[in-house]
Amino acid sequence: KEGFNLRIKVLPGGCAGYTYEFALDDEQTADDTAIDKGEFKVLVDMPSLQALQGSVVDYVETLQKSGFKVDNPNAKATCSCGSSFG
């Protein structure tokens, strides 16, 4: 959506301890890091940025599903469905 950015958050929850949340957001807060991707920005708050340090985020489409995929080198464990990490 025009005027919106992609916000990535790391939240407590899921069977492995933490989960990723992706949302459209039209506001940037003072503690956000903004990553300019041309047509939009990726917004990440400071606690989430620390958990995502060194991560690669991609959008993938397969026959089974489509969505964001996070390769996080900080994750020591993941759940069997891959939607949470520890």
PDB file of N, CA and C in Angstrom:
ATOM      1  N   LYS A   1       0.837  -1.175   0.000  1.00  0.00           N
ATOM      2  CA  LYS A   1       0.000   0.000   0.000  1.00  0.00           C
ATOM      3  C   LYS A   1       0.878   1.233   0.000  1.00  0.00           C
ATOM      4  N   GLU A   2       0.500   2.178  -0.789  1.00  0.00           N
ATOM      5  CA  GLU A   2       1.275   3.411  -0.876  1.00  0.00           C
ATOM      6  C   GLU A   2       1.239   4.144   0.460  1.00  0.00           C
ATOM      7  N   GLY A   3       2.385   4.650   0.863  1.00  0.00           N
ATOM      8  CA  GLY A   3       2.481   5.374   2.121  1.00  0.00           C
ATOM      9  C   GLY A   3       2.749   4.490   3.322  1.00  0.00           C
ATOM     10  N   PHE A   4       2.799   3.193   3.112  1.00  0.00           N
ATOM     11  CA  PHE A   4       3.047   2.255   4.207  1.00  0.00           C
ATOM     12  C   PHE A   4       4.418   1.615   4.037  1.00  0.00           C
ATOM     13  N   ASN A   5       4.980   1.183   5.155  1.00  0.00           N
ATOM     14  CA  ASN A   5       6.261   0.490   5.173  1.00  0.00           C
ATOM     15  C   ASN A   5       6.064  -0.884   5.790  1.00  0.00           C
ATOM     16  N   LEU A   6       7.039  -1.743   5.613  1.00  0.00           N
ATOM     17  CA  LEU A   6       6.995  -3.074   6.208  1.00  0.00           C
ATOM     18  C   LEU A   6       7.654  -3.025   7.577  1.00  0.00           C
ATOM     19  N   ARG A   7       6.905  -3.404   8.617  1.00  0.00           N
ATOM     20  CA  ARG A   7       7.459  -3.478   9.962  1.00  0.00           C
ATOM     21  C   ARG A   7       7.711  -4.935  10.308  1.00  0.00           C
ATOM     22  N   ILE A   8       8.922  -5.203  10.825  1.00  0.00           N
ATOM     23  CA  ILE A   8       9.280  -6.537  11.301  1.00  0.00           C
ATOM     24  C   ILE A   8       9.514  -6.439  12.800  1.00  0.00           C
ATOM     25  N   LYS A   9       8.832  -7.302  13.559  1.00  0.00           N
ATOM     26  CA  LYS A   9       9.003  -7.334  15.012  1.00  0.00           C
ATOM     27  C   LYS A   9       9.314  -8.758  15.450  1.00  0.00           C
ATOM     28  N   VAL A  10      10.081  -8.869  16.506  1.00  0.00           N
ATOM     29  CA  VAL A  10      10.309 -10.153  17.169  1.00  0.00           C
ATOM     30  C   VAL A  10       9.552 -10.074  18.486  1.00  0.00           C
ATOM     31  N   LEU A  11       8.630 -11.020  18.689  1.00  0.00           N
ATOM     32  CA  LEU A  11       7.765 -11.013  19.867  1.00  0.00           C
ATOM     33  C   LEU A  11       7.899 -12.305  20.654  1.00  0.00           C
ATOM     34  N   PRO A  12       7.719 -12.240  21.977  1.00  0.00           N
ATOM     35  CA  PRO A  12       7.680 -13.480  22.756  1.00  0.00           C
ATOM     36  C   PRO A  12       6.469 -14.299  22.328  1.00  0.00           C
ATOM     37  N   GLY A  13       6.652 -15.603  22.205  1.00  0.00           N
ATOM     38  CA  GLY A  13       5.541 -16.464  21.835  1.00  0.00           C
ATOM     39  C   GLY A  13       5.990 -17.592  20.933  1.00  0.00           C
ATOM     40  N   GLY A  14       5.065 -18.437  20.596  1.00  0.00           N
ATOM     41  CA  GLY A  14       5.372 -19.594  19.774  1.00  0.00           C
ATOM     42  C   GLY A  14       5.960 -20.700  20.622  1.00  0.00           C
ATOM     43  N   CYS A  15       6.018 -21.876  20.100  1.00  0.00           N
ATOM     44  CA  CYS A  15       6.475 -23.031  20.876  1.00  0.00           C
ATOM     45  C   CYS A  15       7.976 -23.025  21.136  1.00  0.00           C
ATOM     46  N   ALA A  16       8.753 -22.241  20.380  1.00  0.00           N
ATOM     47  CA  ALA A  16      10.204 -22.216  20.591  1.00  0.00           C
ATOM     48  C   ALA A  16      10.662 -20.980  21.373  1.00  0.00           C
ATOM     49  N   GLY A  17       9.764 -20.038  21.662  1.00  0.00           N
ATOM     50  CA  GLY A  17      10.137 -18.891  22.486  1.00  0.00           C
ATOM     51  C   GLY A  17       9.846 -17.532  21.882  1.00  0.00           C
ATOM     52  N   TYR A  18      10.133 -17.349  20.590  1.00  0.00           N
ATOM     53  CA  TYR A  18       9.914 -16.073  19.922  1.00  0.00           C
ATOM     54  C   TYR A  18       9.302 -16.311  18.548  1.00  0.00           C
ATOM     55  N   THR A  19       8.606 -15.290  18.064  1.00  0.00           N
ATOM     56  CA  THR A  19       8.004 -15.384  16.745  1.00  0.00           C
ATOM     57  C   THR A  19       8.218 -14.069  16.002  1.00  0.00           C
ATOM     58  N   TYR A  20       8.151 -14.121  14.681  1.00  0.00           N
ATOM     59  CA  TYR A  20       8.289 -12.936  13.853  1.00  0.00           C
ATOM     60  C   TYR A  20       6.904 -12.404  13.526  1.00  0.00           C
ATOM     61  N   GLU A  21       6.778 -11.083  13.495  1.00  0.00           N
ATOM     62  CA  GLU A  21       5.532 -10.452  13.063  1.00  0.00           C
ATOM     63  C   GLU A  21       5.856  -9.500  11.928  1.00  0.00           C
ATOM     64  N   PHE A  22       5.095  -9.591  10.854  1.00  0.00           N
ATOM     65  CA  PHE A  22       5.248  -8.717   9.698  1.00  0.00           C
ATOM     66  C   PHE A  22       3.953  -7.940   9.534  1.00  0.00           C
ATOM     67  N   ALA A  23       4.048  -6.626   9.413  1.00  0.00           N
ATOM     68  CA  ALA A  23       2.848  -5.801   9.282  1.00  0.00           C
ATOM     69  C   ALA A  23       3.160  -4.566   8.454  1.00  0.00           C
ATOM     70  N   LEU A  24       2.120  -4.004   7.873  1.00  0.00           N
ATOM     71  CA  LEU A  24       2.252  -2.721   7.199  1.00  0.00           C
ATOM     72  C   LEU A  24       2.069  -1.626   8.237  1.00  0.00           C
ATOM     73  N   ASP A  25       2.907  -0.588   8.180  1.00  0.00           N
ATOM     74  CA  ASP A  25       2.864   0.476   9.171  1.00  0.00           C
ATOM     75  C   ASP A  25       3.122   1.802   8.474  1.00  0.00           C
ATOM     76  N   ASP A  26       2.312   2.802   8.812  1.00  0.00           N
ATOM     77  CA  ASP A  26       2.493   4.125   8.199  1.00  0.00           C
ATOM     78  C   ASP A  26       3.195   5.111   9.123  1.00  0.00           C
ATOM     79  N   GLU A  27       3.673   4.634  10.286  1.00  0.00           N
ATOM     80  CA  GLU A  27       4.371   5.515  11.223  1.00  0.00           C
ATOM     81  C   GLU A  27       5.737   4.935  11.592  1.00  0.00           C
ATOM     82  N   GLN A  28       6.697   5.814  11.670  1.00  0.00           N
ATOM     83  CA  GLN A  28       8.039   5.446  12.107  1.00  0.00           C
ATOM     84  C   GLN A  28       8.274   6.089  13.463  1.00  0.00           C
ATOM     85  N   THR A  29       8.700   5.300  14.459  1.00  0.00           N
ATOM     86  CA  THR A  29       8.951   5.839  15.793  1.00  0.00           C
ATOM     87  C   THR A  29      10.412   6.234  15.933  1.00  0.00           C
ATOM     88  N   ALA A  30      10.725   6.945  17.004  1.00  0.00           N
ATOM     89  CA  ALA A  30      12.083   7.459  17.221  1.00  0.00           C
ATOM     90  C   ALA A  30      13.109   6.354  17.393  1.00  0.00           C
ATOM     91  N   ASP A  31      12.707   5.172  17.947  1.00  0.00           N
ATOM     92  CA  ASP A  31      13.691   4.103  18.158  1.00  0.00           C
ATOM     93  C   ASP A  31      13.742   3.098  17.008  1.00  0.00           C
ATOM     94  N   ASP A  32      13.044   3.378  15.906  1.00  0.00           N
ATOM     95  CA  ASP A  32      13.070   2.487  14.745  1.00  0.00           C
ATOM     96  C   ASP A  32      14.336   2.680  13.930  1.00  0.00           C
ATOM     97  N   THR A  33      14.842   1.587  13.403  1.00  0.00           N
ATOM     98  CA  THR A  33      15.838   1.635  12.352  1.00  0.00           C
ATOM     99  C   THR A  33      15.081   1.459  11.048  1.00  0.00           C
ATOM    100  N   ALA A  34      15.319   2.330  10.085  1.00  0.00           N
ATOM    101  CA  ALA A  34      14.639   2.270   8.793  1.00  0.00           C
ATOM    102  C   ALA A  34      15.638   1.838   7.730  1.00  0.00           C
ATOM    103  N   ILE A  35      15.289   0.796   7.007  1.00  0.00           N
ATOM    104  CA  ILE A  35      16.126   0.283   5.927  1.00  0.00           C
ATOM    105  C   ILE A  35      15.418   0.615   4.625  1.00  0.00           C
ATOM    106  N   ASP A  36      16.002   1.488   3.830  1.00  0.00           N
ATOM    107  CA  ASP A  36      15.383   1.964   2.599  1.00  0.00           C
ATOM    108  C   ASP A  36      15.515   0.910   1.506  1.00  0.00           C
ATOM    109  N   LYS A  37      14.383   0.466   0.978  1.00  0.00           N
ATOM    110  CA  LYS A  37      14.376  -0.525  -0.099  1.00  0.00           C
ATOM    111  C   LYS A  37      13.835   0.066  -1.402  1.00  0.00           C
ATOM    112  N   GLY A  38      13.935   1.387  -1.562  1.00  0.00           N
ATOM    113  CA  GLY A  38      13.487   2.037  -2.787  1.00  0.00           C
ATOM    114  C   GLY A  38      12.033   2.477  -2.686  1.00  0.00           C
ATOM    115  N   GLU A  39      11.105   1.595  -3.025  1.00  0.00           N
ATOM    116  CA  GLU A  39       9.682   1.931  -3.006  1.00  0.00           C
ATOM    117  C   GLU A  39       9.099   1.958  -1.598  1.00  0.00           C
ATOM    118  N   PHE A  40       9.774   1.364  -0.645  1.00  0.00           N
ATOM    119  CA  PHE A  40       9.286   1.310   0.729  1.00  0.00           C
ATOM    120  C   PHE A  40      10.474   1.178   1.676  1.00  0.00           C
ATOM    121  N   LYS A  41      10.180   1.296   2.976  1.00  0.00           N
ATOM    122  CA  LYS A  41      11.192   1.093   4.011  1.00  0.00           C
ATOM    123  C   LYS A  41      10.810  -0.128   4.836  1.00  0.00           C
ATOM    124  N   VAL A  42      11.818  -0.758   5.403  1.00  0.00           N
ATOM    125  CA  VAL A  42      11.609  -1.807   6.393  1.00  0.00           C
ATOM    126  C   VAL A  42      11.916  -1.166   7.746  1.00  0.00           C
ATOM    127  N   LEU A  43      10.938  -1.214   8.656  1.00  0.00           N
ATOM    128  CA  LEU A  43      11.077  -0.619   9.977  1.00  0.00           C
ATOM    129  C   LEU A  43      11.280  -1.712  11.008  1.00  0.00           C
ATOM    130  N   VAL A  44      12.294  -1.529  11.873  1.00  0.00           N
ATOM    131  CA  VAL A  44      12.593  -2.513  12.912  1.00  0.00           C
ATOM    132  C   VAL A  44      12.889  -1.752  14.202  1.00  0.00           C
ATOM    133  N   ASP A  45      12.181  -2.096  15.302  1.00  0.00           N
ATOM    134  CA  ASP A  45      12.467  -1.459  16.586  1.00  0.00           C
ATOM    135  C   ASP A  45      13.765  -2.023  17.160  1.00  0.00           C
ATOM    136  N   MET A  46      14.335  -1.326  18.136  1.00  0.00           N
ATOM    137  CA  MET A  46      15.656  -1.688  18.660  1.00  0.00           C
ATOM    138  C   MET A  46      15.718  -3.103  19.245  1.00  0.00           C
ATOM    139  N   PRO A  47      14.774  -3.542  20.107  1.00  0.00           N
ATOM    140  CA  PRO A  47      14.865  -4.915  20.624  1.00  0.00           C
ATOM    141  C   PRO A  47      14.796  -5.974  19.507  1.00  0.00           C
ATOM    142  N   SER A  48      13.940  -5.730  18.517  1.00  0.00           N
ATOM    143  CA  SER A  48      13.824  -6.677  17.405  1.00  0.00           C
ATOM    144  C   SER A  48      15.084  -6.669  16.548  1.00  0.00           C
ATOM    145  N   LEU A  49      15.669  -5.483  16.368  1.00  0.00           N
ATOM    146  CA  LEU A  49      16.897  -5.374  15.571  1.00  0.00           C
ATOM    147  C   LEU A  49      18.014  -6.209  16.175  1.00  0.00           C
ATOM    148  N   GLN A  50      18.118  -6.218  17.496  1.00  0.00           N
ATOM    149  CA  GLN A  50      19.149  -7.018  18.157  1.00  0.00           C
ATOM    150  C   GLN A  50      18.930  -8.507  17.904  1.00  0.00           C
ATOM    151  N   ALA A  51      17.679  -8.958  17.945  1.00  0.00           N
ATOM    152  CA  ALA A  51      17.375 -10.372  17.702  1.00  0.00           C
ATOM    153  C   ALA A  51      17.549 -10.756  16.237  1.00  0.00           C
ATOM    154  N   LEU A  52      17.437  -9.785  15.342  1.00  0.00           N
ATOM    155  CA  LEU A  52      17.543 -10.049  13.898  1.00  0.00           C
ATOM    156  C   LEU A  52      18.938  -9.789  13.336  1.00  0.00           C
ATOM    157  N   GLN A  53      19.872  -9.366  14.172  1.00  0.00           N
ATOM    158  CA  GLN A  53      21.224  -9.019  13.717  1.00  0.00           C
ATOM    159  C   GLN A  53      21.812 -10.130  12.844  1.00  0.00           C
ATOM    160  N   GLY A  54      22.213  -9.787  11.633  1.00  0.00           N
ATOM    161  CA  GLY A  54      22.821 -10.747  10.716  1.00  0.00           C
ATOM    162  C   GLY A  54      21.829 -11.581   9.928  1.00  0.00           C
ATOM    163  N   SER A  55      20.540 -11.348  10.120  1.00  0.00           N
ATOM    164  CA  SER A  55      19.504 -12.155   9.452  1.00  0.00           C
ATOM    165  C   SER A  55      19.297 -11.727   8.004  1.00  0.00           C
ATOM    166  N   VAL A  56      18.794 -12.664   7.216  1.00  0.00           N
ATOM    167  CA  VAL A  56      18.376 -12.392   5.849  1.00  0.00           C
ATOM    168  C   VAL A  56      16.883 -12.659   5.785  1.00  0.00           C
ATOM    169  N   VAL A  57      16.123 -11.647   5.336  1.00  0.00           N
ATOM    170  CA  VAL A  57      14.672 -11.770   5.216  1.00  0.00           C
ATOM    171  C   VAL A  57      14.339 -11.763   3.728  1.00  0.00           C
ATOM    172  N   ASP A  58      13.524 -12.727   3.314  1.00  0.00           N
ATOM    173  CA  ASP A  58      13.155 -12.835   1.911  1.00  0.00           C
ATOM    174  C   ASP A  58      11.679 -13.195   1.822  1.00  0.00           C
ATOM    175  N   TYR A  59      11.064 -12.875   0.708  1.00  0.00           N
ATOM    176  CA  TYR A  59       9.693 -13.298   0.440  1.00  0.00           C
ATOM    177  C   TYR A  59       9.762 -14.430  -0.562  1.00  0.00           C
ATOM    178  N   VAL A  60       9.179 -15.577  -0.213  1.00  0.00           N
ATOM    179  CA  VAL A  60       9.249 -16.751  -1.089  1.00  0.00           C
ATOM    180  C   VAL A  60       7.840 -17.222  -1.453  1.00  0.00           C
ATOM    181  N   GLU A  61       7.735 -17.759  -2.641  1.00  0.00           N
ATOM    182  CA  GLU A  61       6.487 -18.356  -3.107  1.00  0.00           C
ATOM    183  C   GLU A  61       6.788 -19.755  -3.615  1.00  0.00           C
ATOM    184  N   THR A  62       6.087 -20.736  -3.055  1.00  0.00           N
ATOM    185  CA  THR A  62       6.207 -22.115  -3.505  1.00  0.00           C
ATOM    186  C   THR A  62       4.806 -22.642  -3.798  1.00  0.00           C
ATOM    187  N   LEU A  63       4.717 -23.867  -4.247  1.00  0.00           N
ATOM    188  CA  LEU A  63       3.404 -24.470  -4.477  1.00  0.00           C
ATOM    189  C   LEU A  63       2.627 -24.645  -3.176  1.00  0.00           C
ATOM    190  N   GLN A  64       3.332 -24.855  -2.061  1.00  0.00           N
ATOM    191  CA  GLN A  64       2.682 -25.104  -0.778  1.00  0.00           C
ATOM    192  C   GLN A  64       2.298 -23.832  -0.035  1.00  0.00           C
ATOM    193  N   LYS A  65       3.131 -22.786  -0.133  1.00  0.00           N
ATOM    194  CA  LYS A  65       2.853 -21.567   0.621  1.00  0.00           C
ATOM    195  C   LYS A  65       3.630 -20.395   0.063  1.00  0.00           C
ATOM    196  N   SER A  66       3.253 -19.214   0.511  1.00  0.00           N
ATOM    197  CA  SER A  66       4.014 -18.011   0.198  1.00  0.00           C
ATOM    198  C   SER A  66       4.084 -17.167   1.457  1.00  0.00           C
ATOM    199  N   GLY A  67       5.175 -16.446   1.607  1.00  0.00           N
ATOM    200  CA  GLY A  67       5.339 -15.595   2.776  1.00  0.00           C
ATOM    201  C   GLY A  67       6.789 -15.268   3.019  1.00  0.00           C
ATOM    202  N   PHE A  68       7.017 -14.598   4.131  1.00  0.00           N
ATOM    203  CA  PHE A  68       8.361 -14.190   4.488  1.00  0.00           C
ATOM    204  C   PHE A  68       9.129 -15.348   5.111  1.00  0.00           C
ATOM    205  N   LYS A  69      10.400 -15.419   4.763  1.00  0.00           N
ATOM    206  CA  LYS A  69      11.302 -16.423   5.313  1.00  0.00           C
ATOM    207  C   LYS A  69      12.468 -15.672   5.948  1.00  0.00           C
ATOM    208  N   VAL A  70      12.788 -16.047   7.184  1.00  0.00           N
ATOM    209  CA  VAL A  70      13.892 -15.396   7.898  1.00  0.00           C
ATOM    210  C   VAL A  70      14.973 -16.430   8.155  1.00  0.00           C
ATOM    211  N   ASP A  71      16.170 -16.175   7.660  1.00  0.00           N
ATOM    212  CA  ASP A  71      17.347 -16.984   7.992  1.00  0.00           C
ATOM    213  C   ASP A  71      18.094 -16.214   9.065  1.00  0.00           C
ATOM    214  N   ASN A  72      17.935 -16.657  10.323  1.00  0.00           N
ATOM    215  CA  ASN A  72      18.470 -15.940  11.466  1.00  0.00           C
ATOM    216  C   ASN A  72      19.616 -16.733  12.085  1.00  0.00           C
ATOM    217  N   PRO A  73      20.858 -16.229  11.980  1.00  0.00           N
ATOM    218  CA  PRO A  73      21.999 -16.953  12.546  1.00  0.00           C
ATOM    219  C   PRO A  73      21.988 -16.981  14.079  1.00  0.00           C
ATOM    220  N   ASN A  74      21.154 -16.153  14.704  1.00  0.00           N
ATOM    221  CA  ASN A  74      21.063 -16.105  16.163  1.00  0.00           C
ATOM    222  C   ASN A  74      20.118 -17.158  16.729  1.00  0.00           C
ATOM    223  N   ALA A  75      19.291 -17.762  15.882  1.00  0.00           N
ATOM    224  CA  ALA A  75      18.322 -18.750  16.342  1.00  0.00           C
ATOM    225  C   ALA A  75      19.044 -20.050  16.683  1.00  0.00           C
ATOM    226  N   LYS A  76      18.923 -20.466  17.916  1.00  0.00           N
ATOM    227  CA  LYS A  76      19.552 -21.707  18.367  1.00  0.00           C
ATOM    228  C   LYS A  76      18.613 -22.899  18.217  1.00  0.00           C
ATOM    229  N   ALA A  77      17.300 -22.622  18.132  1.00  0.00           N
ATOM    230  CA  ALA A  77      16.303 -23.680  17.982  1.00  0.00           C
ATOM    231  C   ALA A  77      15.114 -23.129  17.221  1.00  0.00           C
ATOM    232  N   THR A  78      14.423 -23.980  16.491  1.00  0.00           N
ATOM    233  CA  THR A  78      13.183 -23.605  15.823  1.00  0.00           C
ATOM    234  C   THR A  78      12.139 -24.664  16.089  1.00  0.00           C
ATOM    235  N   CYS A  79      10.876 -24.290  15.958  1.00  0.00           N
ATOM    236  CA  CYS A  79       9.822 -25.283  16.127  1.00  0.00           C
ATOM    237  C   CYS A  79       9.696 -26.100  14.844  1.00  0.00           C
ATOM    238  N   SER A  80       8.958 -27.177  14.883  1.00  0.00           N
ATOM    239  CA  SER A  80       8.863 -28.065  13.726  1.00  0.00           C
ATOM    240  C   SER A  80       8.176 -27.407  12.529  1.00  0.00           C
ATOM    241  N   CYS A  81       7.271 -26.460  12.786  1.00  0.00           N
ATOM    242  CA  CYS A  81       6.593 -25.791  11.667  1.00  0.00           C
ATOM    243  C   CYS A  81       7.397 -24.606  11.141  1.00  0.00           C
ATOM    244  N   GLY A  82       8.435 -24.191  11.878  1.00  0.00           N
ATOM    245  CA  GLY A  82       9.308 -23.121  11.426  1.00  0.00           C
ATOM    246  C   GLY A  82       8.793 -21.715  11.685  1.00  0.00           C
ATOM    247  N   SER A  83       7.723 -21.571  12.459  1.00  0.00           N
ATOM    248  CA  SER A  83       7.163 -20.232  12.671  1.00  0.00           C
ATOM    249  C   SER A  83       7.670 -19.562  13.940  1.00  0.00           C
ATOM    250  N   SER A  84       8.440 -20.266  14.758  1.00  0.00           N
ATOM    251  CA  SER A  84       9.023 -19.618  15.943  1.00  0.00           C
ATOM    252  C   SER A  84      10.456 -20.114  16.142  1.00  0.00           C
ATOM    253  N   PHE A  85      11.193 -19.361  16.969  1.00  0.00           N
ATOM    254  CA  PHE A  85      12.601 -19.695  17.196  1.00  0.00           C
ATOM    255  C   PHE A  85      12.981 -19.396  18.633  1.00  0.00           C
ATOM    256  N   GLY A  86      14.110 -19.916  19.048  1.00  0.00           N
ATOM    257  CA  GLY A  86      14.608 -19.666  20.405  1.00  0.00           C
ATOM    258  C   GLY A  86      16.057 -19.283  20.382  1.00  0.00           C
TER     259      GLY A  86
END
